[in-house]
């Protein structure tokens, strides 16, 4: 029977392995929110969206929303 002798060097932990790279590109998430073309409808005072194209009054605070 062969005896194993302990080595004088402590065992070194293995270095962490990097995570494997994905093989497929990530799925795009749908963009949230409204499109930028609605920017002209945003009330500059309260941020509400007008229910009609400018010029109109904001339904929430009454501020006049002008054409840009």
PDB file of N, CA and C in Angstrom:
ATOM      1  N   UNK A   1       0.844  -1.161   0.000  1.00  0.00           N
ATOM      2  CA  UNK A   1       0.000   0.000   0.000  1.00  0.00           C
ATOM      3  C   UNK A   1       0.898   1.236   0.000  1.00  0.00           C
ATOM      4  N   UNK A   2       0.550   2.232  -0.842  1.00  0.00           N
ATOM      5  CA  UNK A   2       1.362   3.439  -0.965  1.00  0.00           C
ATOM      6  C   UNK A   2       0.696   4.546  -0.173  1.00  0.00           C
ATOM      7  N   UNK A   3       1.470   5.154   0.702  1.00  0.00           N
ATOM      8  CA  UNK A   3       0.940   6.261   1.496  1.00  0.00           C
ATOM      9  C   UNK A   3       1.164   7.566   0.759  1.00  0.00           C
ATOM     10  N   UNK A   4       0.156   8.430   0.838  1.00  0.00           N
ATOM     11  CA  UNK A   4       0.324   9.762   0.256  1.00  0.00           C
ATOM     12  C   UNK A   4       0.829  10.676   1.355  1.00  0.00           C
ATOM     13  N   UNK A   5       1.834  11.410   1.050  1.00  0.00           N
ATOM     14  CA  UNK A   5       2.371  12.338   2.036  1.00  0.00           C
ATOM     15  C   UNK A   5       1.853  13.735   1.736  1.00  0.00           C
ATOM     16  N   UNK A   6       1.630  14.482   2.770  1.00  0.00           N
ATOM     17  CA  UNK A   6       1.150  15.848   2.615  1.00  0.00           C
ATOM     18  C   UNK A   6       2.279  16.714   2.098  1.00  0.00           C
ATOM     19  N   UNK A   7       1.943  17.605   1.192  1.00  0.00           N
ATOM     20  CA  UNK A   7       2.959  18.526   0.688  1.00  0.00           C
ATOM     21  C   UNK A   7       3.087  19.687   1.654  1.00  0.00           C
ATOM     22  N   UNK A   8       4.212  20.338   1.621  1.00  0.00           N
ATOM     23  CA  UNK A   8       4.432  21.449   2.540  1.00  0.00           C
ATOM     24  C   UNK A   8       3.731  22.725   2.078  1.00  0.00           C
ATOM     25  N   UNK A   9       3.300  22.782   0.825  1.00  0.00           N
ATOM     26  CA  UNK A   9       2.622  23.976   0.322  1.00  0.00           C
ATOM     27  C   UNK A   9       1.112  23.823   0.501  1.00  0.00           C
ATOM     28  N   UNK A  10       0.460  24.884   0.980  1.00  0.00           N
ATOM     29  CA  UNK A  10      -0.998  24.800   1.102  1.00  0.00           C
ATOM     30  C   UNK A  10      -1.632  24.785  -0.294  1.00  0.00           C
ATOM     31  N   UNK A  11      -2.758  24.159  -0.396  1.00  0.00           N
ATOM     32  CA  UNK A  11      -3.455  24.099  -1.679  1.00  0.00           C
ATOM     33  C   UNK A  11      -3.950  25.498  -2.051  1.00  0.00           C
ATOM     34  N   UNK A  12      -3.737  25.876  -3.292  1.00  0.00           N
ATOM     35  CA  UNK A  12      -4.171  27.180  -3.787  1.00  0.00           C
ATOM     36  C   UNK A  12      -5.597  27.055  -4.318  1.00  0.00           C
ATOM     37  N   UNK A  13      -6.464  27.996  -3.953  1.00  0.00           N
ATOM     38  CA  UNK A  13      -7.818  27.944  -4.515  1.00  0.00           C
ATOM     39  C   UNK A  13      -7.766  28.246  -6.010  1.00  0.00           C
ATOM     40  N   UNK A  14      -8.667  27.624  -6.733  1.00  0.00           N
ATOM     41  CA  UNK A  14      -8.713  27.879  -8.165  1.00  0.00           C
ATOM     42  C   UNK A  14      -9.233  29.291  -8.405  1.00  0.00           C
ATOM     43  N   UNK A  15      -8.663  29.998  -9.379  1.00  0.00           N
ATOM     44  CA  UNK A  15      -9.162  31.347  -9.673  1.00  0.00           C
ATOM     45  C   UNK A  15     -10.587  31.251 -10.219  1.00  0.00           C
ATOM     46  N   UNK A  16     -11.396  32.288  -9.979  1.00  0.00           N
ATOM     47  CA  UNK A  16     -12.772  32.249 -10.490  1.00  0.00           C
ATOM     48  C   UNK A  16     -12.772  32.210 -12.012  1.00  0.00           C
ATOM     49  N   UNK A  17     -13.667  31.432 -12.558  1.00  0.00           N
ATOM     50  CA  UNK A  17     -13.782  31.313 -14.005  1.00  0.00           C
ATOM     51  C   UNK A  17     -14.730  32.397 -14.516  1.00  0.00           C
ATOM     52  N   UNK A  18     -14.382  33.035 -15.631  1.00  0.00           N
ATOM     53  CA  UNK A  18     -15.294  34.044 -16.185  1.00  0.00           C
ATOM     54  C   UNK A  18     -16.572  33.377 -16.681  1.00  0.00           C
ATOM     55  N   UNK A  19     -17.657  34.142 -16.633  1.00  0.00           N
ATOM     56  CA  UNK A  19     -18.926  33.612 -17.115  1.00  0.00           C
ATOM     57  C   UNK A  19     -18.850  33.477 -18.631  1.00  0.00           C
ATOM     58  N   UNK A  20     -19.429  32.433 -19.180  1.00  0.00           N
ATOM     59  CA  UNK A  20     -19.374  32.266 -20.634  1.00  0.00           C
ATOM     60  C   UNK A  20     -20.172  33.361 -21.333  1.00  0.00           C
ATOM     61  N   UNK A  21     -19.681  33.761 -22.483  1.00  0.00           N
ATOM     62  CA  UNK A  21     -20.365  34.774 -23.273  1.00  0.00           C
ATOM     63  C   UNK A  21     -21.617  34.160 -23.890  1.00  0.00           C
ATOM     64  N   UNK A  22     -22.706  34.929 -23.975  1.00  0.00           N
ATOM     65  CA  UNK A  22     -23.910  34.385 -24.599  1.00  0.00           C
ATOM     66  C   UNK A  22     -23.663  34.140 -26.085  1.00  0.00           C
ATOM     67  N   UNK A  23     -24.261  33.096 -26.602  1.00  0.00           N
ATOM     68  CA  UNK A  23     -24.067  32.767 -28.012  1.00  0.00           C
ATOM     69  C   UNK A  23     -25.036  33.522 -28.903  1.00  0.00           C
ATOM     70  N   UNK A  24     -26.132  34.001 -28.336  1.00  0.00           N
ATOM     71  CA  UNK A  24     -27.103  34.766 -29.104  1.00  0.00           C
ATOM     72  C   UNK A  24     -27.174  36.182 -28.547  1.00  0.00           C
ATOM     73  N   UNK A  25     -27.436  37.176 -29.409  1.00  0.00           N
ATOM     74  CA  UNK A  25     -27.558  38.542 -28.889  1.00  0.00           C
ATOM     75  C   UNK A  25     -28.778  38.649 -27.987  1.00  0.00           C
ATOM     76  N   UNK A  26     -28.738  39.551 -26.994  1.00  0.00           N
ATOM     77  CA  UNK A  26     -29.895  39.702 -26.105  1.00  0.00           C
ATOM     78  C   UNK A  26     -31.104  40.206 -26.881  1.00  0.00           C
ATOM     79  N   UNK A  27     -32.262  39.829 -26.434  1.00  0.00           N
ATOM     80  CA  UNK A  27     -33.500  40.281 -27.074  1.00  0.00           C
ATOM     81  C   UNK A  27     -33.732  41.739 -26.694  1.00  0.00           C
ATOM     82  N   UNK A  28     -34.038  42.550 -27.686  1.00  0.00           N
ATOM     83  CA  UNK A  28     -34.327  43.957 -27.411  1.00  0.00           C
ATOM     84  C   UNK A  28     -35.641  44.063 -26.655  1.00  0.00           C
ATOM     85  N   UNK A  29     -35.629  44.894 -25.642  1.00  0.00           N
ATOM     86  CA  UNK A  29     -36.855  45.148 -24.904  1.00  0.00           C
ATOM     87  C   UNK A  29     -37.612  46.249 -25.634  1.00  0.00           C
ATOM     88  N   UNK A  30     -38.920  46.178 -25.640  1.00  0.00           N
ATOM     89  CA  UNK A  30     -39.671  47.235 -26.317  1.00  0.00           C
ATOM     90  C   UNK A  30     -39.422  48.576 -25.633  1.00  0.00           C
ATOM     91  N   UNK A  31     -39.302  49.604 -26.447  1.00  0.00           N
ATOM     92  CA  UNK A  31     -39.078  50.942 -25.900  1.00  0.00           C
ATOM     93  C   UNK A  31     -40.333  51.394 -25.170  1.00  0.00           C
ATOM     94  N   UNK A  32     -40.150  51.975 -24.012  1.00  0.00           N
ATOM     95  CA  UNK A  32     -41.293  52.426 -23.230  1.00  0.00           C
ATOM     96  C   UNK A  32     -41.644  53.863 -23.531  1.00  0.00           C
ATOM     97  N   UNK A  33     -42.808  54.239 -23.143  1.00  0.00           N
ATOM     98  CA  UNK A  33     -43.223  55.630 -23.269  1.00  0.00           C
ATOM     99  C   UNK A  33     -43.760  55.972 -24.646  1.00  0.00           C
ATOM    100  N   UNK A  34     -44.117  57.213 -24.797  1.00  0.00           N
ATOM    101  CA  UNK A  34     -44.667  57.707 -26.053  1.00  0.00           C
ATOM    102  C   UNK A  34     -43.542  58.197 -26.956  1.00  0.00           C
ATOM    103  N   UNK A  35     -43.837  58.332 -28.211  1.00  0.00           N
ATOM    104  CA  UNK A  35     -42.823  58.790 -29.156  1.00  0.00           C
ATOM    105  C   UNK A  35     -42.536  60.280 -28.957  1.00  0.00           C
ATOM    106  N   UNK A  36     -41.412  60.732 -29.472  1.00  0.00           N
ATOM    107  CA  UNK A  36     -40.973  62.115 -29.286  1.00  0.00           C
ATOM    108  C   UNK A  36     -41.874  63.111 -30.003  1.00  0.00           C
ATOM    109  N   UNK A  37     -42.672  62.670 -30.959  1.00  0.00           N
ATOM    110  CA  UNK A  37     -43.529  63.608 -31.682  1.00  0.00           C
ATOM    111  C   UNK A  37     -44.615  64.199 -30.788  1.00  0.00           C
ATOM    112  N   UNK A  38     -44.820  63.635 -29.615  1.00  0.00           N
ATOM    113  CA  UNK A  38     -45.807  64.174 -28.678  1.00  0.00           C
ATOM    114  C   UNK A  38     -45.236  65.296 -27.819  1.00  0.00           C
ATOM    115  N   UNK A  39     -43.974  65.632 -28.019  1.00  0.00           N
ATOM    116  CA  UNK A  39     -43.335  66.646 -27.192  1.00  0.00           C
ATOM    117  C   UNK A  39     -44.058  67.991 -27.270  1.00  0.00           C
ATOM    118  N   UNK A  40     -44.605  68.323 -28.430  1.00  0.00           N
ATOM    119  CA  UNK A  40     -45.315  69.598 -28.580  1.00  0.00           C
ATOM    120  C   UNK A  40     -46.600  69.639 -27.761  1.00  0.00           C
ATOM    121  N   UNK A  41     -47.085  68.483 -27.312  1.00  0.00           N
ATOM    122  CA  UNK A  41     -48.320  68.431 -26.530  1.00  0.00           C
ATOM    123  C   UNK A  41     -48.087  68.518 -25.027  1.00  0.00           C
ATOM    124  N   UNK A  42     -46.829  68.522 -24.592  1.00  0.00           N
ATOM    125  CA  UNK A  42     -46.516  68.520 -23.161  1.00  0.00           C
ATOM    126  C   UNK A  42     -46.648  69.926 -22.591  1.00  0.00           C
ATOM    127  N   UNK A  43     -47.394  70.042 -21.512  1.00  0.00           N
ATOM    128  CA  UNK A  43     -47.532  71.322 -20.814  1.00  0.00           C
ATOM    129  C   UNK A  43     -46.217  71.625 -20.104  1.00  0.00           C
ATOM    130  N   UNK A  44     -45.688  72.815 -20.329  1.00  0.00           N
ATOM    131  CA  UNK A  44     -44.408  73.182 -19.713  1.00  0.00           C
ATOM    132  C   UNK A  44     -44.534  73.440 -18.218  1.00  0.00           C
ATOM    133  N   UNK A  45     -45.744  73.696 -17.731  1.00  0.00           N
ATOM    134  CA  UNK A  45     -45.923  73.966 -16.305  1.00  0.00           C
ATOM    135  C   UNK A  45     -46.132  72.706 -15.474  1.00  0.00           C
ATOM    136  N   UNK A  46     -46.989  71.787 -15.957  1.00  0.00           N
ATOM    137  CA  UNK A  46     -47.310  70.629 -15.115  1.00  0.00           C
ATOM    138  C   UNK A  46     -46.936  69.282 -15.734  1.00  0.00           C
ATOM    139  N   UNK A  47     -46.575  69.259 -17.023  1.00  0.00           N
ATOM    140  CA  UNK A  47     -46.149  68.012 -17.654  1.00  0.00           C
ATOM    141  C   UNK A  47     -47.269  67.167 -18.231  1.00  0.00           C
ATOM    142  N   UNK A  48     -48.514  67.622 -18.128  1.00  0.00           N
ATOM    143  CA  UNK A  48     -49.634  66.858 -18.688  1.00  0.00           C
ATOM    144  C   UNK A  48     -49.597  66.921 -20.211  1.00  0.00           C
ATOM    145  N   UNK A  49     -50.178  65.907 -20.854  1.00  0.00           N
ATOM    146  CA  UNK A  49     -50.302  65.915 -22.308  1.00  0.00           C
ATOM    147  C   UNK A  49     -51.633  66.540 -22.688  1.00  0.00           C
ATOM    148  N   UNK A  50     -51.568  67.469 -23.651  1.00  0.00           N
ATOM    149  CA  UNK A  50     -52.791  68.105 -24.122  1.00  0.00           C
ATOM    150  C   UNK A  50     -53.629  67.084 -24.878  1.00  0.00           C
ATOM    151  N   UNK A  51     -54.940  67.259 -24.820  1.00  0.00           N
ATOM    152  CA  UNK A  51     -55.818  66.333 -25.532  1.00  0.00           C
ATOM    153  C   UNK A  51     -56.107  66.787 -26.959  1.00  0.00           C
ATOM    154  N   UNK A  52     -55.637  67.995 -27.335  1.00  0.00           N
ATOM    155  CA  UNK A  52     -55.783  68.532 -28.692  1.00  0.00           C
ATOM    156  C   UNK A  52     -54.455  69.132 -29.136  1.00  0.00           C
ATOM    157  N   UNK A  53     -54.229  69.243 -30.437  1.00  0.00           N
ATOM    158  CA  UNK A  53     -52.992  69.875 -30.914  1.00  0.00           C
ATOM    159  C   UNK A  53     -52.958  71.360 -30.538  1.00  0.00           C
ATOM    160  N   UNK A  54     -51.772  71.918 -30.334  1.00  0.00           N
ATOM    161  CA  UNK A  54     -51.647  73.339 -29.995  1.00  0.00           C
ATOM    162  C   UNK A  54     -52.108  74.217 -31.156  1.00  0.00           C
ATOM    163  N   UNK A  55     -52.516  75.416 -30.897  1.00  0.00           N
ATOM    164  CA  UNK A  55     -52.624  76.062 -29.590  1.00  0.00           C
ATOM    165  C   UNK A  55     -53.866  75.570 -28.847  1.00  0.00           C
ATOM    166  N   UNK A  56     -53.679  75.297 -27.589  1.00  0.00           N
ATOM    167  CA  UNK A  56     -54.760  74.815 -26.732  1.00  0.00           C
ATOM    168  C   UNK A  56     -54.412  75.132 -25.287  1.00  0.00           C
ATOM    169  N   UNK A  57     -55.342  74.902 -24.402  1.00  0.00           N
ATOM    170  CA  UNK A  57     -55.089  75.088 -22.970  1.00  0.00           C
ATOM    171  C   UNK A  57     -54.896  73.720 -22.338  1.00  0.00           C
ATOM    172  N   UNK A  58     -54.009  73.651 -21.363  1.00  0.00           N
ATOM    173  CA  UNK A  58     -53.763  72.407 -20.636  1.00  0.00           C
ATOM    174  C   UNK A  58     -55.013  72.035 -19.859  1.00  0.00           C
ATOM    175  N   UNK A  59     -55.417  70.796 -19.953  1.00  0.00           N
ATOM    176  CA  UNK A  59     -56.617  70.327 -19.252  1.00  0.00           C
ATOM    177  C   UNK A  59     -56.422  70.292 -17.746  1.00  0.00           C
ATOM    178  N   UNK A  60     -55.161  70.179 -17.303  1.00  0.00           N
ATOM    179  CA  UNK A  60     -54.907  70.055 -15.866  1.00  0.00           C
ATOM    180  C   UNK A  60     -54.745  71.407 -15.183  1.00  0.00           C
ATOM    181  N   UNK A  61     -53.883  72.271 -15.744  1.00  0.00           N
ATOM    182  CA  UNK A  61     -53.578  73.522 -15.030  1.00  0.00           C
ATOM    183  C   UNK A  61     -54.038  74.777 -15.765  1.00  0.00           C
ATOM    184  N   UNK A  62     -54.490  74.641 -17.028  1.00  0.00           N
ATOM    185  CA  UNK A  62     -55.002  75.796 -17.763  1.00  0.00           C
ATOM    186  C   UNK A  62     -53.958  76.597 -18.517  1.00  0.00           C
ATOM    187  N   UNK A  63     -52.692  76.245 -18.426  1.00  0.00           N
ATOM    188  CA  UNK A  63     -51.638  76.965 -19.144  1.00  0.00           C
ATOM    189  C   UNK A  63     -51.860  76.831 -20.647  1.00  0.00           C
ATOM    190  N   UNK A  64     -51.638  77.923 -21.382  1.00  0.00           N
ATOM    191  CA  UNK A  64     -51.776  77.885 -22.834  1.00  0.00           C
ATOM    192  C   UNK A  64     -50.557  77.169 -23.417  1.00  0.00           C
ATOM    193  N   UNK A  65     -50.821  76.165 -24.239  1.00  0.00           N
ATOM    194  CA  UNK A  65     -49.756  75.425 -24.925  1.00  0.00           C
ATOM    195  C   UNK A  65     -49.719  75.951 -26.351  1.00  0.00           C
ATOM    196  N   UNK A  66     -48.635  76.648 -26.684  1.00  0.00           N
ATOM    197  CA  UNK A  66     -48.477  77.281 -27.994  1.00  0.00           C
ATOM    198  C   UNK A  66     -47.856  76.309 -28.987  1.00  0.00           C
ATOM    199  N   UNK A  67     -48.008  76.638 -30.268  1.00  0.00           N
ATOM    200  CA  UNK A  67     -47.305  75.875 -31.305  1.00  0.00           C
ATOM    201  C   UNK A  67     -45.832  76.198 -31.214  1.00  0.00           C
ATOM    202  N   UNK A  68     -45.032  75.225 -31.517  1.00  0.00           N
ATOM    203  CA  UNK A  68     -43.577  75.458 -31.448  1.00  0.00           C
ATOM    204  C   UNK A  68     -43.001  75.662 -32.810  1.00  0.00           C
TER     205      UNK A  68
END
